Protein backbone atom coordinates (compact mmCIF):
# COMPACT_ATOMS: atom_id res chain seq x y z
CA UNK A 1 73.83 144.22 131.07
CA UNK A 2 73.75 142.48 127.68
CA UNK A 3 76.83 140.52 128.65
CA UNK A 4 75.19 139.30 131.87
CA UNK A 5 72.13 138.13 129.96
CA UNK A 6 74.27 136.00 127.67
CA UNK A 7 76.15 134.57 130.60
CA UNK A 8 72.88 133.85 132.37
CA UNK A 9 71.51 132.04 129.30
CA UNK A 10 74.66 129.96 128.96
CA UNK A 11 74.75 129.20 132.67
CA UNK A 12 71.14 128.02 132.62
CA UNK A 13 71.87 125.78 129.62
CA UNK A 14 74.84 124.24 131.42
CA UNK A 15 72.84 123.66 134.59
CA UNK A 16 70.01 122.05 132.59
CA UNK A 17 72.46 119.65 130.94
CA UNK A 18 74.04 118.75 134.27
CA UNK A 19 70.64 118.11 135.81
CA UNK A 20 69.79 115.56 133.10
CA UNK A 21 73.10 113.74 132.72
CA UNK A 22 71.62 110.61 131.17
CA UNK A 23 69.73 112.54 128.51
CA UNK A 24 72.75 114.73 127.83
CA UNK A 25 75.06 111.73 127.52
CA UNK A 26 72.62 109.97 125.19
CA UNK A 27 72.42 112.95 122.83
CA UNK A 28 76.19 113.50 122.94
CA UNK A 29 76.74 109.83 122.05
CA UNK A 30 74.84 110.32 118.78
CA UNK A 31 76.96 113.35 117.90
CA UNK A 32 80.21 111.53 118.75
CA UNK A 33 79.14 108.58 116.59
CA UNK A 34 78.25 110.87 113.69
CA UNK A 35 81.52 112.83 113.90
CA UNK A 36 83.57 109.64 114.13
CA UNK A 37 81.82 108.15 111.09
CA UNK A 38 82.23 111.28 108.98
CA UNK A 39 85.86 111.79 109.98
CA UNK A 40 86.92 108.17 109.47
CA UNK A 41 85.13 107.81 106.13
CA UNK A 42 86.45 111.12 104.79
CA UNK A 43 90.05 110.39 105.85
CA UNK A 44 89.93 106.96 104.18
CA UNK A 45 88.46 108.28 100.94
CA UNK A 46 90.95 111.14 100.87
CA UNK A 47 93.89 108.76 101.31
CA UNK A 48 92.59 106.32 98.69
CA UNK A 49 92.28 109.10 96.13
CA UNK A 50 95.70 110.45 97.07
CA UNK A 51 97.17 106.96 96.71
CA UNK A 52 95.86 106.65 93.16
CA UNK A 53 97.15 110.12 92.31
CA UNK A 54 100.58 109.31 93.78
CA UNK A 55 100.83 106.04 91.87
CA UNK A 56 99.84 107.53 88.53
CA UNK A 57 102.12 110.55 88.95
CA UNK A 58 105.07 108.69 90.45
CA UNK A 59 105.12 105.51 88.41
CA UNK A 60 107.96 107.20 86.55
CA UNK A 61 107.21 105.95 83.03
CA UNK A 62 105.16 107.25 80.12
CA UNK A 63 103.94 103.74 79.28
CA UNK A 64 103.86 100.34 80.97
CA UNK A 65 104.05 97.02 79.14
CA UNK A 66 102.93 93.89 81.01
CA UNK A 67 101.39 90.54 80.06
CA UNK A 68 97.61 90.61 79.73
CA UNK A 69 97.19 87.83 82.28
CA UNK A 70 99.07 89.83 84.92
CA UNK A 71 97.34 93.18 84.55
CA UNK A 72 95.31 93.04 87.75
CA UNK A 73 98.18 91.59 89.80
CA UNK A 74 100.64 94.27 88.68
CA UNK A 75 98.03 96.98 89.21
CA UNK A 76 97.38 95.87 92.81
CA UNK A 77 101.10 95.63 93.48
CA UNK A 78 101.84 99.10 92.14
CA UNK A 79 98.98 100.63 94.10
CA UNK A 80 99.02 98.69 97.38
CA UNK A 81 102.15 96.51 97.30
CA UNK A 82 100.12 93.28 97.14
CA UNK A 83 102.67 90.49 96.44
CA UNK A 84 102.34 88.84 93.03
CA UNK A 85 104.44 86.81 90.61
CA UNK A 86 104.06 87.64 86.91
CA UNK A 87 106.31 86.60 84.04
CA UNK A 88 106.56 86.92 80.25
CA UNK A 89 109.27 86.62 77.62
CA UNK A 90 112.31 88.89 78.00
CA UNK A 91 112.67 89.23 74.22
CA UNK A 92 110.06 92.00 74.42
CA UNK A 93 112.64 94.30 76.00
CA UNK A 94 114.91 94.47 72.95
CA UNK A 95 112.03 94.60 70.49
CA UNK A 96 110.22 97.44 72.27
CA UNK A 97 113.46 99.43 72.55
CA UNK A 98 113.67 99.43 68.72
CA UNK A 99 110.24 100.98 68.23
CA UNK A 100 110.31 104.53 66.86
CA UNK A 101 109.21 106.99 69.52
CA UNK A 102 110.62 104.96 72.43
CA UNK A 103 113.53 106.70 74.12
CA UNK A 104 114.40 104.16 76.83
CA UNK A 105 113.15 100.90 78.28
CA UNK A 106 113.76 99.34 81.68
CA UNK A 107 112.72 95.78 82.54
CA UNK A 108 111.56 94.61 85.95
CA UNK A 109 110.56 91.31 87.53
CA UNK A 110 107.73 91.11 90.02
CA UNK A 111 108.00 88.08 92.33
CA UNK A 112 106.02 87.73 95.53
CA UNK A 113 107.32 86.02 98.67
CA UNK A 114 105.31 83.64 100.83
CA UNK A 115 103.61 83.97 104.18
CA UNK A 116 105.60 81.02 105.48
CA UNK A 117 108.64 80.16 107.57
CA UNK A 118 110.93 80.54 104.54
CA UNK A 119 110.31 84.30 104.47
CA UNK A 120 110.53 86.96 107.16
CA UNK A 121 107.45 88.62 105.69
CA UNK A 122 105.20 88.37 102.63
CA UNK A 123 106.46 91.14 100.40
CA UNK A 124 106.68 92.16 96.78
CA UNK A 125 110.15 91.64 95.33
CA UNK A 126 110.88 94.02 92.45
CA UNK A 127 113.95 93.14 90.40
CA UNK A 128 115.45 95.98 88.36
CA UNK A 129 118.51 96.81 86.29
CA UNK A 130 120.38 99.79 87.83
CA UNK A 131 121.97 100.64 84.48
CA UNK A 132 118.64 101.19 82.71
CA UNK A 133 116.40 101.97 85.69
CA UNK A 134 114.73 105.36 85.89
CA UNK A 135 111.82 104.64 88.28
CA UNK A 136 113.27 102.99 91.43
CA UNK A 137 116.58 104.73 92.13
CA UNK A 138 115.13 108.28 92.00
CA UNK A 139 113.49 107.42 95.34
CA UNK A 140 116.92 107.26 97.00
CA UNK A 141 118.25 110.40 98.66
CA UNK A 142 121.76 109.92 97.30
CA UNK A 143 121.38 108.02 94.06
CA UNK A 144 125.09 108.02 93.24
CA UNK A 145 126.13 106.91 96.71
CA UNK A 146 124.69 103.40 96.40
CA UNK A 147 126.20 100.68 94.26
CA UNK A 148 124.35 97.51 95.11
CA UNK A 149 126.56 94.49 95.52
CA UNK A 150 125.34 90.98 94.89
CA UNK A 151 123.18 89.97 97.86
CA UNK A 152 122.23 93.54 98.80
CA UNK A 153 118.69 94.90 98.54
CA UNK A 154 116.78 98.14 98.90
CA UNK A 155 113.59 98.23 100.98
CA UNK A 156 110.51 100.42 100.86
CA UNK A 157 109.90 103.08 103.48
CA UNK A 158 107.45 100.97 105.49
CA UNK A 159 109.25 97.62 105.36
CA UNK A 160 110.24 96.54 108.87
CA UNK A 161 113.97 96.29 108.15
CA UNK A 162 116.74 98.82 108.58
CA UNK A 163 120.03 99.29 106.67
CA UNK A 164 122.64 96.90 108.01
CA UNK A 165 120.06 94.26 108.93
CA UNK A 166 119.32 91.06 107.06
CA UNK A 167 116.05 90.02 105.44
CA UNK A 168 115.27 86.36 104.83
CA UNK A 169 113.30 85.63 101.65
CA UNK A 170 112.76 82.11 100.31
CA UNK A 171 115.22 80.75 102.91
CA UNK A 172 117.90 83.09 101.54
CA UNK A 173 119.39 85.98 103.49
CA UNK A 174 119.82 89.40 101.89
CA UNK A 175 121.63 92.44 103.27
CA UNK A 176 119.55 95.61 103.53
CA UNK A 177 121.64 98.39 101.97
CA UNK A 178 119.26 101.36 101.94
CA UNK A 179 115.67 102.48 102.39
CA UNK A 180 113.72 104.34 99.76
CA UNK A 181 111.98 107.62 100.42
CA UNK A 182 108.27 107.46 101.07
CA UNK A 183 106.40 107.15 97.78
CA UNK A 184 102.77 106.85 98.88
CA UNK A 185 102.26 103.76 96.68
CA UNK A 186 103.05 100.04 96.70
CA UNK A 187 106.80 100.69 96.58
CA UNK A 188 106.64 101.54 100.30
CA UNK A 189 106.10 97.89 101.27
CA UNK A 190 108.24 96.27 98.58
CA UNK A 191 111.88 95.19 98.38
CA UNK A 192 114.17 95.87 95.42
CA UNK A 193 117.16 93.95 94.10
CA UNK A 194 119.27 93.58 90.99
CA UNK A 195 118.96 90.66 88.58
CA UNK A 196 122.25 89.22 89.85
CA UNK A 197 120.98 89.26 93.43
CA UNK A 198 117.67 87.71 92.42
CA UNK A 199 119.54 84.82 90.84
CA UNK A 200 120.72 83.83 94.33
CA UNK A 201 117.29 82.27 94.72
CA UNK A 202 118.29 79.55 92.26
CA UNK A 203 119.89 77.82 95.23
CA UNK A 204 116.63 77.88 97.18
CA UNK A 205 114.40 74.83 96.82
CA UNK A 206 111.40 76.85 98.01
CA UNK A 207 112.01 79.52 95.37
CA UNK A 208 112.43 76.94 92.60
CA UNK A 209 109.17 75.31 93.68
CA UNK A 210 107.24 78.59 93.42
CA UNK A 211 109.08 80.63 90.77
CA UNK A 212 110.46 79.78 87.29
CA UNK A 213 114.04 80.12 88.53
CA UNK A 214 115.51 77.60 86.05
CA UNK A 215 114.65 79.88 83.13
CA UNK A 216 114.63 83.19 85.00
CA UNK A 217 117.26 84.81 82.71
CA UNK A 218 114.64 84.79 79.93
CA UNK A 219 111.80 86.19 82.03
CA UNK A 220 110.58 89.68 82.94
CA UNK A 221 107.33 91.00 84.41
CA UNK A 222 107.12 94.59 83.26
CA UNK A 223 108.65 97.08 80.87
CA UNK A 224 108.78 100.72 81.92
CA UNK A 225 108.85 102.80 78.73
CA UNK A 226 109.78 106.44 78.28
CA UNK A 227 108.84 108.10 75.01
CA UNK A 228 111.13 110.39 73.03
CA UNK A 229 110.27 113.94 74.07
CA UNK A 230 112.12 115.32 71.05
CA UNK A 231 109.49 113.89 68.72
CA UNK A 232 106.61 116.32 68.43
CA UNK A 233 103.03 115.14 68.24
CA UNK A 234 103.58 111.50 69.22
CA UNK A 235 100.48 109.46 68.45
CA UNK A 236 100.18 107.21 71.50
CA UNK A 237 97.52 105.08 69.85
CA UNK A 238 99.82 104.21 66.95
CA UNK A 239 102.78 103.87 69.30
CA UNK A 240 100.87 101.27 71.29
CA UNK A 241 100.13 99.41 68.07
CA UNK A 242 103.79 99.50 67.06
CA UNK A 243 104.86 98.17 70.47
CA UNK A 244 102.22 95.44 70.35
CA UNK A 245 103.43 94.34 66.89
CA UNK A 246 107.09 94.44 67.94
CA UNK A 247 107.09 91.20 69.93
CA UNK A 248 107.90 87.85 68.41
CA UNK A 249 106.88 85.58 71.30
CA UNK A 250 103.17 85.60 70.44
CA UNK A 251 102.15 86.58 73.98
CA UNK A 252 99.23 88.92 74.58
CA UNK A 253 100.36 92.08 76.31
CA UNK A 254 98.80 95.14 77.89
CA UNK A 255 100.18 98.55 76.94
CA UNK A 256 99.03 101.69 78.69
CA UNK A 257 99.83 104.58 80.98
CA UNK A 258 99.82 104.25 84.76
CA UNK A 259 96.56 106.18 84.78
CA UNK A 260 94.96 103.69 82.39
CA UNK A 261 96.34 100.73 84.35
CA UNK A 262 94.84 102.07 87.57
CA UNK A 263 91.52 103.04 86.03
CA UNK A 264 89.91 99.94 87.52
CA UNK A 265 91.01 100.85 91.04
CA UNK A 266 90.00 104.45 90.42
CA UNK A 267 86.51 103.28 89.47
CA UNK A 268 86.35 101.09 92.58
CA UNK A 269 87.36 104.04 94.74
CA UNK A 270 84.65 106.16 93.14
CA UNK A 271 82.07 103.48 93.91
CA UNK A 272 83.42 103.08 97.42
CA UNK A 273 83.37 106.84 97.82
CA UNK A 274 79.72 106.82 96.77
CA UNK A 275 78.91 104.19 99.39
CA UNK A 276 80.94 106.14 101.92
CA UNK A 277 78.95 109.29 101.15
CA UNK A 278 75.71 107.37 101.59
CA UNK A 279 76.96 106.17 104.98
CA UNK A 280 77.83 109.74 105.92
CA UNK A 281 74.42 111.02 104.83
CA UNK A 282 72.65 108.28 106.78
CA UNK A 283 74.72 109.11 109.83
CA UNK A 284 73.95 112.82 109.50
CA UNK A 285 70.23 112.30 109.00
CA UNK A 286 69.89 109.73 111.79
CA UNK A 287 71.85 111.89 114.23
CA UNK A 288 69.88 114.99 113.35
CA UNK A 289 66.56 113.16 113.69
CA UNK A 290 67.66 111.62 116.99
CA UNK A 291 68.63 115.00 118.41
CA UNK A 292 65.44 116.61 117.16
CA UNK A 293 63.31 113.81 118.61
CA UNK A 294 65.03 113.94 121.98
CA UNK A 295 64.83 117.74 122.19
CA UNK A 296 61.17 117.78 121.15
CA UNK A 297 60.24 115.03 123.61
CA UNK A 298 62.03 116.75 126.46
CA UNK A 299 60.14 119.97 125.74
CA UNK A 300 56.98 118.23 127.02
CA UNK A 301 58.54 117.52 130.40
CA UNK A 302 60.05 121.02 130.55
CA UNK A 303 56.93 123.04 129.76
CA UNK A 304 56.39 123.96 133.37
CA UNK A 305 60.05 125.01 133.62
CA UNK A 306 59.68 127.35 130.65
CA UNK A 307 56.32 128.55 131.99
CA UNK A 308 57.98 129.64 135.23
CA UNK A 309 60.60 131.51 133.24
CA UNK A 310 57.83 133.22 131.27
CA UNK A 311 56.18 134.22 134.52
CA UNK A 312 59.45 135.70 135.73
CA UNK A 313 59.60 137.89 132.63
CA UNK A 314 61.67 135.81 130.24
CA UNK A 315 60.92 136.18 126.56
CA UNK A 316 60.45 133.53 123.89
CA UNK A 317 63.76 134.52 122.32
CA UNK A 318 65.52 133.79 125.60
CA UNK A 319 63.85 130.37 125.77
CA UNK A 320 65.05 129.62 122.26
CA UNK A 321 68.55 130.79 123.18
CA UNK A 322 68.65 128.39 126.11
CA UNK A 323 67.71 125.48 123.87
CA UNK A 324 70.16 126.64 121.21
CA UNK A 325 72.94 126.90 123.81
CA UNK A 326 72.22 123.40 125.04
CA UNK A 327 72.30 122.06 121.47
CA UNK A 328 75.56 123.87 120.67
CA UNK A 329 77.23 122.59 123.84
CA UNK A 330 76.18 119.01 123.12
CA UNK A 331 77.05 119.11 119.41
CA UNK A 332 80.26 121.07 119.94
CA UNK A 333 81.65 118.79 122.63
CA UNK A 334 80.40 115.69 120.80
CA UNK A 335 81.96 116.84 117.53
CA UNK A 336 85.34 117.57 119.10
CA UNK A 337 85.39 114.35 121.17
CA UNK A 338 84.29 112.19 118.23
CA UNK A 339 86.86 113.72 115.89
CA UNK A 340 89.78 113.61 118.35
CA UNK A 341 88.96 110.08 119.48
CA UNK A 342 88.82 108.81 115.90
CA UNK A 343 91.99 110.68 114.98
CA UNK A 344 93.80 109.09 117.93
CA UNK A 345 92.64 105.60 116.98
CA UNK A 346 93.61 106.08 113.33
CA UNK A 347 97.04 107.38 114.35
CA UNK A 348 97.68 104.41 116.65
CA UNK A 349 96.37 101.76 114.26
CA UNK A 350 97.20 103.40 110.91
CA UNK A 351 99.52 100.58 109.82
CA UNK A 352 96.92 97.91 110.63
CA UNK A 353 94.18 99.88 108.85
CA UNK A 354 96.45 100.46 105.86
CA UNK A 355 97.25 96.76 105.53
CA UNK A 356 93.70 95.52 106.12
CA UNK A 357 92.11 97.96 103.69
CA UNK A 358 94.94 97.88 101.10
CA UNK A 359 95.62 101.59 101.38
CA UNK A 360 99.23 102.24 100.27
CA UNK A 361 99.78 105.04 102.73
CA UNK A 362 97.48 106.40 105.42
CA UNK A 363 98.51 110.02 105.89
CA UNK A 364 97.18 111.41 109.19
CA UNK A 365 99.42 114.47 109.23
CA UNK A 366 98.14 117.76 110.63
CA UNK A 367 97.93 119.51 107.25
CA UNK A 368 95.73 116.78 105.74
CA UNK A 369 93.48 115.96 108.68
CA UNK A 370 92.87 119.41 110.18
CA UNK A 371 90.50 120.61 107.38
CA UNK A 372 88.57 117.34 107.69
CA UNK A 373 88.41 117.68 111.49
CA UNK A 374 87.11 121.25 111.25
CA UNK A 375 84.52 120.14 108.69
CA UNK A 376 83.28 117.36 111.01
CA UNK A 377 82.99 119.75 113.97
CA UNK A 378 81.16 122.28 111.78
CA UNK A 379 78.73 119.58 110.62
CA UNK A 380 78.11 118.58 114.24
CA UNK A 381 77.39 122.21 115.20
CA UNK A 382 75.03 122.70 112.24
CA UNK A 383 73.22 119.50 113.17
CA UNK A 384 72.78 120.81 116.72
CA UNK A 385 71.46 124.15 115.45
CA UNK A 386 68.92 122.42 113.19
CA UNK A 387 67.77 120.24 116.11
CA UNK A 388 67.45 123.29 118.36
CA UNK A 389 65.41 125.25 115.80
CA UNK A 390 63.00 122.37 115.23
CA UNK A 391 62.58 121.57 118.92
CA UNK A 392 62.01 125.20 119.96
CA UNK A 393 59.09 125.53 117.54
CA UNK A 394 56.63 124.58 120.28
CA UNK A 395 57.80 127.44 122.46
CA UNK A 396 57.21 129.95 119.68
CA UNK A 397 53.53 128.94 119.67
CA UNK A 398 53.18 129.96 123.30
CA UNK A 399 51.93 126.53 124.49
CA UNK A 400 54.22 126.54 127.51
CA UNK A 401 52.63 129.61 129.05
CA UNK A 402 49.12 128.22 128.63
CA UNK A 403 50.11 124.92 130.27
CA UNK A 404 51.52 126.83 133.23
CA UNK A 405 48.21 128.60 133.66
CA UNK A 406 46.42 125.25 133.51
CA UNK A 407 48.68 123.84 136.25
CA UNK A 408 47.79 126.72 138.50
């Protein structure tokens, strides 16, 4: 008997929603919009934070040395693969290697390509020395299996070029030898080559017009530094001072960890996350208020309906259960539809979103998105319950029964 009552309550709620399709659709639209906003914002913030974590953990060096003037450019390239061209004197490499506490040093050049006919795509070129490198080659599956010849390049996981194909940069063709594993940072949309291969660009008029190719042998963009783990209690503050005083070129340099280099982006993400949370709260409040308002307003036109049910022996609790069932159906379906629809759109357009918003990698895998999806659906259901409780308050006062008597 108890089972039939529940079924009867649910059936009445469904029939009520079907009878007022426009009202039902209007309320469900608010829930879908709220769920979509919460899901999209949360997924973006989660991926931004994960991108910063990946970059700081996977940069592969204890310290990074770059010219002061190129700090922001290098930071954006490491995090999001934004093409940049930064240069300073190569003499720093030998001088830094002599500093006590430094175990190994590997130099790199960061040179950006152009969004023009001379290049197949605007991309970050990262020039490295395979003999000293300890940050790029670990991202290859078989590190010993690849010996880059002059003219061969490696490409990031998301670069639209496959091994065996050619990539045209600054009107010069390069052979794609291998693809790196996915890193979750700017490396995924960068290309990598040796210093010998990079020197091929000396024959390109476009490259010479945009890069210091004539003196490129004396230029670098970054030094990746590993400290000596055998030395106990290394004072990084003093080590930075020693590195800064090691150079003889007189250039101002930045010395710091990957975490320190990305602190600016981390702060921006925190601010953006704060704005995103405000947007989520506004969406939640507006949706909840909209549902409450619509439910409360519809109670006025349904007083006679509830009065008839009272006359037939229904109790106030049953009336509240009908309203609660309606709210749960609307919020449940709206939450699921909003979440699934947004997930589908993000999955289809993840590359476009990633590029437009400078997110190094937009991970929409099941393991990462399922908890967020369940959270959004739960929020939608809670919102529906709150709306139902507020809107059923009038029934608890017994006004419906009195209005039925007045209509008689």
